[in-house]
Amino acid sequence: MSQPDKIKNRIDFKVLTTTLSIQTKSLHDDAMLTHIREKLNLMDVTVQEDTYGNIYVTKGIAKTYPCVVAHTDTVQDMLQHINIFRTNDTIFAFNPEERRQWGIGGDDKVGVYITLQLLEDIPVMKAVFFRDEEIGSRGSHYSMDNHKEWYNDCGFVLMADRRGNTDVITVSGGIVIASNEFLEACDPIFDRYGYKDAVGICTDVDVLTTKGIGVSTVNLSCGYHEPHSSKEIVSIRDVNRCYNLMYDILLEHYDRVFTYEAKIPEYKSSYKKNGQSYLSSTFNELSKVGLSSPVGERQLKLHLPLIFGGKTSKFSNFTELATIKEGMKVFSYIGCKAIPVTGDTTCSKCKLPALENIFFLPYEGRMYCTKCNDYIDDAKTPALMRFVESEDNDTVFVYSLYSAGWLLKEEAKWSEKISSWVSEQMPF
């Protein structure tokens, strides 16, 4: 497929801001679905909808189609009025009722915008707009359980549902979601736009992989920052960067099939909150398959601690990071789940008990309140760390901001002076 009509910096600012201004939330995304239908009615595409409300799009006639997916819901509360502003490269939302910044919902309105733009510009492709990703990827689960055959002629799947501007999520939901062949074929394009492999928590593409779509999938950074928070903004430059990256992948590999069957781990535990699951893999089971698994060398090198539990030890979710004074050890957390804040403390914003409401996100180093749907102020995080513990094989770990790692609680003490767990050898 040639690309004579490729236009760099393709972002249609008017359509992008219109999409971002649509208020949509899990179970309440009718306005976004209407917007998508209206845009598709202007294109030469075939549109289908399932009984859950997912929208399926086919453009062109081919034996094999590249596929792009996005989700139509956000986590932001819906307001009576919301204002969208632009300052230079940044787009943000403002709540006029409370006179403060409001989460713009770039997760995943940006993905919806990019998918619609690609459908205008790419001659041959498929696309799906899934509902209710934020409450357990319900739309993609329904799609794979009831319409799996629709994906039979898809060669690979791309999704724009990642914060920032550099991540290629190749491990999502605790599993590898793409083959080495696909990633190596796309490496020149990733390098072109400065994208690198990264680990994600969960989204629709890992549902597709887990339920046997049979081809490689990836999730890409698309230009929203501080997601799920009142500080969320969208960078026009970064949206454009993701659009160009996806455009180039679709044009250069549109007719290729990147077959991939994932090795799906069992899970030993899950914590459910607001319909979402935080999962921790059975690392002992994964370590048994080790190098004999279908996981490629690329992922083994990049994600060994996450996938295979790091160094062999008696712990499943921790591996030794360093040794400090008197032989006391600092550990790194290699699990996959958010860690609940326990103890008699409250959220500084909503004032509700922290227990079962506030979580420490180890890979971000931040606290998140599920009642506020927002990150905890970074200034409040140190004090809350006193109430974060993780038990592994009958051993309790606490996180030390001072040591930038986890300590054995039996070898640590809490320092009021610096608001951190420290080694009991430290003079605080």
Protein backbone atom coordinates (compact mmCIF):
# COMPACT_ATOMS: atom_id res chain seq x y z
CA MET A 1 0.00 0.00 0.00
CA SER A 2 1.53 3.30 -1.04
CA GLN A 3 1.26 6.42 1.08
CA PRO A 4 1.15 9.35 -1.37
CA ASP A 5 -1.50 11.10 0.69
CA LYS A 6 0.37 10.85 3.98
CA ILE A 7 0.20 14.17 5.75
CA LYS A 8 2.50 14.65 8.70
CA ASN A 9 1.10 16.62 11.62
CA ARG A 10 -2.32 15.34 10.64
CA ILE A 11 -4.05 16.28 13.89
CA ASP A 12 -7.40 17.98 13.26
CA PHE A 13 -7.49 20.23 16.31
CA LYS A 14 -11.21 20.96 15.99
CA VAL A 15 -12.17 17.28 15.93
CA LEU A 16 -9.69 16.46 18.72
CA THR A 17 -11.13 19.12 21.03
CA THR A 18 -14.69 18.12 20.12
CA THR A 19 -13.89 14.52 21.07
CA LEU A 20 -12.22 15.59 24.32
CA SER A 21 -15.20 17.79 25.25
CA ILE A 22 -17.64 14.86 25.15
CA GLN A 23 -18.41 13.68 28.66
CA THR A 24 -18.34 9.92 28.90
CA LYS A 25 -18.06 7.49 31.76
CA SER A 26 -18.34 3.74 32.21
CA LEU A 27 -21.97 2.68 31.67
CA HIS A 28 -22.75 6.26 30.54
CA ASP A 29 -21.01 6.63 27.17
CA ASP A 30 -24.02 7.26 24.88
CA ALA A 31 -22.76 10.69 23.82
CA MET A 32 -19.40 9.25 22.77
CA LEU A 33 -21.06 6.39 20.88
CA THR A 34 -23.24 8.94 19.05
CA HIS A 35 -20.16 10.99 18.16
CA ILE A 36 -18.42 7.91 16.76
CA ARG A 37 -21.47 6.91 14.70
CA GLU A 38 -21.75 10.42 13.27
CA LYS A 39 -18.11 10.44 12.20
CA LEU A 40 -18.37 6.97 10.68
CA ASN A 41 -21.47 7.95 8.70
CA LEU A 42 -19.27 10.39 6.79
CA MET A 43 -16.80 7.65 5.77
CA ASP A 44 -16.94 4.84 3.24
CA VAL A 45 -16.88 2.07 5.84
CA THR A 46 -18.99 -0.88 6.97
CA VAL A 47 -20.25 -0.52 10.53
CA GLN A 48 -21.67 -3.21 12.83
CA GLU A 49 -22.70 -3.15 16.47
CA ASP A 50 -23.14 -6.03 18.89
CA THR A 51 -25.78 -6.28 21.58
CA TYR A 52 -23.36 -4.92 24.20
CA GLY A 53 -22.89 -1.76 22.16
CA ASN A 54 -19.35 -2.29 20.83
CA ILE A 55 -18.88 -0.73 17.39
CA TYR A 56 -17.02 -2.69 14.68
CA VAL A 57 -15.69 -0.99 11.54
CA THR A 58 -14.29 -2.43 8.31
CA LYS A 59 -12.75 -0.24 5.61
CA GLY A 60 -11.74 -1.57 2.20
CA ILE A 61 -11.64 -5.13 0.89
CA ALA A 62 -8.69 -7.37 1.73
CA LYS A 63 -7.73 -10.86 2.84
CA THR A 64 -5.91 -9.45 5.87
CA TYR A 65 -6.59 -6.27 7.81
CA PRO A 66 -4.56 -4.36 10.38
CA CYS A 67 -6.81 -3.53 13.33
CA VAL A 68 -6.97 -0.59 15.76
CA VAL A 69 -9.05 -0.56 18.94
CA ALA A 70 -10.00 2.08 21.54
CA HIS A 71 -12.41 2.30 24.47
CA THR A 72 -15.26 4.76 24.79
CA ASP A 73 -15.45 5.29 28.58
CA THR A 74 -13.40 7.29 31.07
CA VAL A 75 -13.27 7.35 34.88
CA GLN A 76 -14.11 11.04 35.21
CA ASP A 77 -17.36 12.11 36.85
CA MET A 78 -19.78 13.80 34.43
CA LEU A 79 -20.52 17.48 34.99
CA GLN A 80 -23.39 19.69 33.96
CA HIS A 81 -20.87 21.91 32.18
CA ILE A 82 -17.22 21.49 31.31
CA ASN A 83 -14.83 23.85 29.50
CA ILE A 84 -11.90 22.77 27.32
CA PHE A 85 -8.92 25.11 26.97
CA ARG A 86 -5.69 25.11 24.99
CA THR A 87 -2.45 26.78 26.02
CA ASN A 88 0.33 26.25 23.50
CA ASP A 89 0.77 22.45 23.23
CA THR A 90 -1.50 21.57 26.17
CA ILE A 91 -5.24 20.89 26.23
CA PHE A 92 -6.93 20.72 29.62
CA ALA A 93 -10.43 20.71 31.11
CA PHE A 94 -11.91 23.12 33.64
CA ASN A 95 -14.82 22.59 36.00
CA PRO A 96 -16.63 25.96 36.14
CA GLU A 97 -18.86 24.84 38.99
CA GLU A 98 -15.95 24.20 41.36
CA ARG A 99 -13.57 26.62 39.63
CA ARG A 100 -10.74 24.14 39.29
CA GLN A 101 -9.02 21.94 36.75
CA TRP A 102 -10.82 18.73 35.87
CA GLY A 103 -9.60 15.46 34.34
CA ILE A 104 -9.99 15.75 30.57
CA GLY A 105 -10.47 12.01 30.03
CA GLY A 106 -7.72 11.56 27.46
CA ASP A 107 -7.80 7.94 28.63
CA ASP A 108 -9.18 6.97 26.21
CA LYS A 109 -10.80 9.84 24.28
CA VAL A 110 -7.42 10.36 22.62
CA GLY A 111 -7.50 6.74 21.47
CA VAL A 112 -11.00 7.27 20.07
CA TYR A 113 -9.84 10.37 18.18
CA ILE A 114 -6.73 8.68 16.73
CA THR A 115 -8.74 5.63 15.65
CA LEU A 116 -11.31 7.81 13.86
CA GLN A 117 -8.53 9.81 12.19
CA LEU A 118 -6.82 6.63 11.01
CA LEU A 119 -10.11 5.36 9.59
CA GLU A 120 -10.25 8.50 7.47
CA ASP A 121 -6.65 8.22 6.27
CA ILE A 122 -5.90 4.48 5.92
CA PRO A 123 -7.40 2.76 2.84
CA VAL A 124 -7.73 -0.72 4.35
CA MET A 125 -8.16 -1.47 8.05
CA LYS A 126 -10.50 -2.65 10.78
CA ALA A 127 -11.35 -0.95 14.06
CA VAL A 128 -13.35 -1.64 17.22
CA PHE A 129 -14.62 0.83 19.81
CA PHE A 130 -15.05 -1.10 23.07
CA ARG A 131 -17.31 -0.03 25.90
CA ASP A 132 -16.60 -0.12 29.65
CA GLU A 133 -12.86 -0.81 29.68
CA GLU A 134 -12.43 1.12 32.93
CA ILE A 135 -14.66 -1.27 34.90
CA GLY A 136 -13.08 -4.54 33.89
CA SER A 137 -12.78 -4.40 30.06
CA ARG A 138 -16.36 -5.62 29.79
CA GLY A 139 -16.76 -4.66 26.15
CA SER A 140 -13.71 -6.55 24.92
CA HIS A 141 -14.61 -9.57 27.06
CA TYR A 142 -18.08 -9.59 25.48
CA SER A 143 -16.63 -9.16 22.02
CA MET A 144 -14.23 -12.10 22.31
CA ASP A 145 -16.82 -14.32 23.99
CA ASN A 146 -19.46 -13.68 21.33
CA HIS A 147 -17.80 -12.39 18.14
CA LYS A 148 -14.30 -13.84 18.11
CA GLU A 149 -14.67 -14.82 14.45
CA TRP A 150 -14.75 -11.12 13.47
CA TYR A 151 -11.00 -10.98 14.18
CA ASN A 152 -10.10 -14.00 12.02
CA ASP A 153 -8.73 -11.82 9.19
CA CYS A 154 -6.82 -9.41 11.43
CA GLY A 155 -3.03 -9.53 11.12
CA PHE A 156 -2.22 -7.55 14.27
CA VAL A 157 -3.92 -5.11 16.66
CA LEU A 158 -2.82 -1.67 17.83
CA MET A 159 -4.32 0.33 20.69
CA ALA A 160 -3.66 3.92 21.81
CA ASP A 161 -4.49 3.70 25.52
CA ARG A 162 -1.28 4.50 27.37
CA ARG A 163 -0.16 7.64 29.17
CA GLY A 164 2.94 9.55 28.09
CA ASN A 165 4.68 9.59 24.74
CA THR A 166 7.28 6.80 24.58
CA ASP A 167 5.80 3.47 25.69
CA VAL A 168 5.17 0.38 23.62
CA ILE A 169 3.34 -1.91 26.04
CA THR A 170 4.50 -5.44 25.24
CA VAL A 171 3.56 -6.93 28.62
CA SER A 172 0.04 -6.11 29.83
CA GLY A 173 -2.06 -7.72 32.53
CA GLY A 174 0.95 -9.84 33.48
CA ILE A 175 1.33 -11.50 30.05
CA VAL A 176 3.40 -10.91 26.94
CA ILE A 177 1.02 -9.73 24.21
CA ALA A 178 3.24 -9.51 21.12
CA SER A 179 5.64 -11.77 19.24
CA ASN A 180 9.31 -11.00 18.72
CA GLU A 181 8.67 -11.09 14.97
CA PHE A 182 6.12 -8.28 15.19
CA LEU A 183 8.20 -6.12 17.53
CA GLU A 184 11.38 -6.53 15.49
CA ALA A 185 9.48 -5.69 12.29
CA CYS A 186 8.22 -2.48 13.93
CA ASP A 187 11.49 -1.57 15.69
CA PRO A 188 12.61 0.86 12.94
CA ILE A 189 9.29 2.70 13.33
CA PHE A 190 9.48 2.67 17.13
CA ASP A 191 13.00 4.10 16.88
CA ARG A 192 11.79 6.71 14.41
CA TYR A 193 9.43 8.15 17.04
CA GLY A 194 11.44 7.37 20.18
CA TYR A 195 9.18 4.62 21.52
CA LYS A 196 10.51 1.84 23.78
CA ASP A 197 9.18 -1.38 25.31
CA ALA A 198 7.37 -0.99 28.63
CA VAL A 199 5.07 -2.86 31.03
CA GLY A 200 1.39 -1.99 31.49
CA ILE A 201 -1.22 -3.00 34.04
CA CYS A 202 -4.24 -3.97 31.94
CA THR A 203 -6.41 -2.88 29.01
CA ASP A 204 -8.48 -4.34 26.18
CA VAL A 205 -5.61 -5.73 24.11
CA ASP A 206 -4.51 -8.13 26.83
CA VAL A 207 -8.11 -9.37 26.96
CA LEU A 208 -7.91 -10.07 23.22
CA THR A 209 -4.63 -11.92 23.74
CA THR A 210 -5.81 -13.89 26.76
CA LYS A 211 -8.96 -15.00 24.95
CA GLY A 212 -7.00 -16.29 21.97
CA ILE A 213 -7.13 -13.69 19.21
CA GLY A 214 -4.03 -15.44 17.88
CA VAL A 215 -2.08 -12.39 16.64
CA SER A 216 0.26 -9.82 18.16
CA THR A 217 -1.18 -6.80 19.96
CA VAL A 218 0.42 -3.71 21.53
CA ASN A 219 -0.73 -0.67 23.48
CA LEU A 220 0.91 2.68 22.70
CA SER A 221 1.46 5.97 24.52
CA CYS A 222 -0.82 8.52 22.89
CA GLY A 223 -0.22 11.84 24.59
CA TYR A 224 -2.41 12.05 27.68
CA HIS A 225 -0.63 12.65 30.97
CA GLU A 226 -1.66 12.25 34.65
CA PRO A 227 -4.57 9.93 33.73
CA HIS A 228 -7.43 9.20 36.14
CA SER A 229 -6.73 12.44 37.96
CA SER A 230 -7.95 16.03 38.06
CA LYS A 231 -4.55 17.07 36.66
CA GLU A 232 -4.91 15.09 33.45
CA ILE A 233 -3.88 16.97 30.31
CA VAL A 234 -3.36 16.14 26.63
CA SER A 235 -0.30 17.12 24.60
CA ILE A 236 -1.14 17.89 20.96
CA ARG A 237 2.44 17.16 19.96
CA ASP A 238 2.32 13.74 21.61
CA VAL A 239 -1.05 12.87 20.06
CA ASN A 240 0.43 13.70 16.67
CA ARG A 241 3.49 11.58 17.44
CA CYS A 242 1.34 8.54 18.25
CA TYR A 243 -0.86 9.10 15.20
CA ASN A 244 2.18 9.17 12.90
CA LEU A 245 3.65 6.07 14.55
CA MET A 246 0.44 4.09 14.12
CA TYR A 247 -0.05 5.37 10.58
CA ASP A 248 3.42 4.18 9.59
CA ILE A 249 2.91 0.73 11.16
CA LEU A 250 -0.43 0.30 9.37
CA LEU A 251 0.97 1.42 6.02
CA GLU A 252 4.20 -0.56 6.19
CA HIS A 253 2.76 -3.81 7.56
CA TYR A 254 -0.90 -3.68 6.50
CA ASP A 255 -0.83 -7.07 4.72
CA ARG A 256 1.21 -9.07 7.23
CA VAL A 257 -0.09 -11.57 9.78
CA PHE A 258 1.93 -11.68 13.00
CA THR A 259 0.69 -14.90 14.57
CA TYR A 260 1.07 -15.15 18.32
CA GLU A 261 -0.32 -17.45 21.01
CA ALA A 262 0.42 -16.26 24.53
CA LYS A 263 1.38 -18.40 27.49
CA ILE A 264 -1.36 -17.52 29.95
CA PRO A 265 -0.36 -17.78 33.63
CA GLU A 266 -2.66 -18.85 36.39
CA TYR A 267 -3.33 -16.33 39.12
CA LYS A 268 -3.03 -16.97 42.80
CA SER A 269 -4.98 -13.96 44.03
CA SER A 270 -6.91 -10.92 42.96
CA TYR A 271 -8.26 -7.85 44.65
CA LYS A 272 -11.48 -6.44 43.19
CA LYS A 273 -12.37 -2.81 43.66
CA ASN A 274 -14.92 -0.86 41.62
CA GLY A 275 -15.08 -3.69 39.10
CA GLN A 276 -11.35 -3.72 38.43
CA SER A 277 -8.94 -6.49 39.34
CA TYR A 278 -5.38 -6.15 40.55
CA LEU A 279 -3.69 -9.46 39.79
CA SER A 280 -0.47 -11.05 40.96
CA SER A 281 0.96 -13.85 38.85
CA THR A 282 1.91 -17.28 40.15
CA PHE A 283 5.60 -16.65 39.66
CA ASN A 284 6.54 -20.14 40.81
CA GLU A 285 4.44 -21.62 38.01
CA LEU A 286 5.89 -19.23 35.45
CA SER A 287 9.44 -19.95 36.56
CA LYS A 288 8.86 -23.65 35.87
CA VAL A 289 8.32 -23.01 32.16
CA GLY A 290 11.19 -20.50 32.05
CA LEU A 291 13.11 -20.39 28.78
CA SER A 292 11.03 -23.22 27.32
CA SER A 293 7.98 -20.96 27.21
CA PRO A 294 6.90 -19.19 23.99
CA VAL A 295 7.98 -15.90 25.54
CA GLY A 296 10.70 -14.49 23.30
CA GLU A 297 14.25 -13.59 24.19
CA ARG A 298 13.41 -9.91 23.78
CA GLN A 299 10.78 -10.03 26.55
CA LEU A 300 12.94 -12.21 28.76
CA LYS A 301 15.70 -9.60 28.68
CA LEU A 302 13.39 -6.63 29.18
CA HIS A 303 10.81 -8.02 31.58
CA LEU A 304 12.50 -10.89 33.40
CA PRO A 305 11.69 -9.59 36.90
CA LEU A 306 8.00 -9.10 36.07
CA ILE A 307 7.45 -12.35 34.16
CA PHE A 308 9.72 -14.80 35.89
CA GLY A 309 10.18 -13.44 39.39
CA GLY A 310 13.78 -12.26 39.07
CA LYS A 311 16.41 -14.08 41.08
CA THR A 312 15.58 -17.44 42.55
CA SER A 313 14.64 -16.85 46.16
CA LYS A 314 12.07 -17.78 48.74
CA PHE A 315 9.97 -14.72 47.77
CA SER A 316 7.48 -14.53 44.93
CA ASN A 317 7.04 -10.76 44.67
CA PHE A 318 10.37 -9.38 45.89
CA THR A 319 13.96 -9.69 44.77
CA GLU A 320 17.11 -8.43 46.46
CA LEU A 321 18.16 -5.01 45.19
CA ALA A 322 21.13 -4.04 47.38
CA THR A 323 22.82 -4.54 50.73
CA ILE A 324 23.21 -1.67 53.16
CA LYS A 325 25.03 -1.18 56.46
CA GLU A 326 25.42 -4.24 58.70
CA GLY A 327 24.32 -6.55 55.87
CA MET A 328 20.71 -5.36 55.89
CA LYS A 329 19.05 -5.84 52.51
CA VAL A 330 16.95 -3.60 50.28
CA PHE A 331 14.42 -5.36 48.04
CA SER A 332 12.66 -4.49 44.79
CA TYR A 333 8.98 -5.27 44.27
CA ILE A 334 8.39 -7.40 41.16
CA GLY A 335 4.71 -8.18 41.61
CA CYS A 336 1.87 -6.95 39.41
CA LYS A 337 -0.69 -5.55 41.82
CA ALA A 338 -1.47 -2.30 43.56
CA ILE A 339 -0.90 -2.52 47.31
CA PRO A 340 -3.70 -1.36 49.62
CA VAL A 341 -3.00 1.17 52.34
CA THR A 342 -4.00 -0.25 55.74
CA GLY A 343 -4.13 1.23 59.21
CA ASP A 344 -6.15 3.95 60.89
CA THR A 345 -5.68 6.82 58.44
CA THR A 346 -7.81 8.68 55.92
CA CYS A 347 -7.64 10.29 52.50
CA SER A 348 -6.65 13.95 52.90
CA LYS A 349 -9.14 14.95 50.19
CA CYS A 350 -12.33 12.89 50.64
CA LYS A 351 -11.63 12.16 54.34
CA LEU A 352 -12.77 8.55 53.92
CA PRO A 353 -10.84 5.65 55.51
CA ALA A 354 -7.74 4.70 53.54
CA LEU A 355 -8.41 0.99 54.01
CA GLU A 356 -9.75 -0.45 50.72
CA ASN A 357 -9.84 3.04 49.17
CA ILE A 358 -6.20 4.12 48.80
CA PHE A 359 -3.58 2.07 46.96
CA PHE A 360 0.15 2.40 46.47
CA LEU A 361 1.11 1.89 42.81
CA PRO A 362 4.66 0.47 42.98
CA TYR A 363 5.55 1.06 39.32
CA GLU A 364 4.54 4.73 39.57
CA GLY A 365 5.63 5.36 43.14
CA ARG A 366 2.35 7.17 43.83
CA MET A 367 -0.83 6.79 45.87
CA TYR A 368 -4.28 6.62 44.28
CA CYS A 369 -7.70 7.01 45.93
CA THR A 370 -10.52 5.08 44.25
CA LYS A 371 -13.14 7.26 45.94
CA CYS A 372 -11.65 10.50 44.65
CA ASN A 373 -10.63 8.87 41.36
CA ASP A 374 -7.44 10.87 41.72
CA TYR A 375 -3.82 10.60 42.78
CA ILE A 376 -2.99 11.61 46.32
CA ASP A 377 -1.00 14.84 46.57
CA ASP A 378 2.66 13.82 46.39
CA ALA A 379 3.34 15.83 49.54
CA LYS A 380 0.95 13.53 51.45
CA THR A 381 2.51 10.29 50.18
CA PRO A 382 5.42 9.95 52.66
CA ALA A 383 3.16 9.90 55.72
CA LEU A 384 0.84 7.35 54.10
CA MET A 385 3.77 5.01 53.39
CA ARG A 386 3.74 4.16 57.09
CA PHE A 387 0.58 2.16 56.41
CA VAL A 388 1.79 0.27 53.33
CA GLU A 389 2.85 -3.33 53.91
CA SER A 390 3.17 -6.33 51.64
CA GLU A 391 3.40 -9.89 52.91
CA ASP A 392 5.32 -12.50 50.97
CA ASN A 393 5.92 -16.05 52.20
CA ASP A 394 5.12 -15.07 55.80
CA THR A 395 7.53 -12.12 55.61
CA VAL A 396 6.32 -8.52 55.87
CA PHE A 397 7.93 -5.81 53.73
CA VAL A 398 7.65 -2.03 54.12
CA TYR A 399 8.67 0.62 51.60
CA SER A 400 11.49 3.00 52.50
CA LEU A 401 11.55 6.33 50.69
CA TYR A 402 14.96 6.87 52.29
CA SER A 403 16.41 3.66 50.84
CA ALA A 404 14.35 3.78 47.60
CA GLY A 405 13.35 0.16 48.11
CA TRP A 406 11.57 -2.34 50.34
CA LEU A 407 12.90 -3.41 53.74
CA LEU A 408 12.06 -6.37 55.94
CA LYS A 409 9.74 -4.88 58.55
CA GLU A 410 11.45 -6.84 61.30
CA GLU A 411 14.68 -5.00 60.42
CA ALA A 412 13.12 -1.57 59.99
CA LYS A 413 11.66 1.26 62.06
CA TRP A 414 9.47 4.25 61.23
CA SER A 415 11.19 7.63 61.46
CA GLU A 416 8.87 10.53 62.25
CA LYS A 417 11.76 12.91 61.55
CA ILE A 418 11.99 12.06 57.85
CA SER A 419 8.58 10.32 57.37
CA SER A 420 10.09 7.11 56.08
CA TRP A 421 10.79 3.54 57.04
CA VAL A 422 14.53 3.17 57.62
CA SER A 423 16.89 0.41 58.64
CA GLU A 424 16.97 0.01 62.41
CA GLN A 425 20.71 0.72 62.14
CA MET A 426 20.05 4.26 60.91
CA PRO A 427 20.44 7.08 63.50
CA PHE A 428 16.99 8.58 63.07
